[in-house]
Amino acid sequence: MREIVFDTETTGFEPGEGHRIVEIGLVELEDHFPTGRSLQFYLNPERDVPIESQKVHGLSNEFLADKPLFAHVVDEFLEFVGDAVLVIHNASFDMKFINAELTRVGRTPLPMARTIDTIEIAKRKIPGARYSLDELCRRFSIDLTVRSKHGALLDAELTAQVYLELVGGRQRGLALAPVEAAAQAKDEDRGGARQRPAPLAPRITPEEAARHAAFVAAELGEGAIWKLAAN
């Protein structure tokens, strides 16, 4: 299954108010693994970039002045996207902008049905957490040191890592190296499986654990299976 992780940087919040895309970043996944293929465009938005937006992504009017228009890169963009599913952090934002650009140049908008929103997955998997890209990266110990400002390609790469953590994609279809496979076979012959040298770090915060314990005590009673499991 081919997926494209997609992000944009813009001049503002609403294309209906004349705001435009200034950067597009795309990262390719195949069967939930990065292929190493990516695509990036800086775009001339044909308007001024408000200083507030420049503070977010660092893209100035001077830097963007000689960059191509969206009309000049739309064919390359659509060819790279193909018929892949689009993985986006806050899909409604990026889709309204890319579809406004596609409509402006006479192309067919991309349907929302093609999208997977990592915020929606996070809400199901870790209810009550904070869902900003930065917060999810911290939760999964994804390096943020390179993110001094927002950038479409950088944020697409970070979103890809968050997405794979959320769906468990890093384990799917993973073939063991010959030495590891042989070691596992010996362990199985002895009637047991290899154990991790150290347990994995918990993915819930102490605050979340405390809220869960309070909920169990207040709502589920002394016979709650959670209490039995803790004993």
Foldseek 3Di string as FASTA:
>chain_A
DKEKEKFFQKLDQDVVVVIATQKIKIFIDDQLHGPPDIDMFGAQSVDARDPVSCVAAVQHNVNHVPGHHCLVCVVVVCVVRPQHQYEYAVVVRVQNRVQVSCVVNPHHRDDPVSYDHLQVLCCVQPNPFDRDLVRLCVLVVNDPPVPPHDDTNVSSVSSSVSVCVSVVSVPPPDDDDPVVVVVQVVQVVVPHGDDDPDDDDDSDDPVVVVVVVVCCPVPVHPPDVVNVVVD
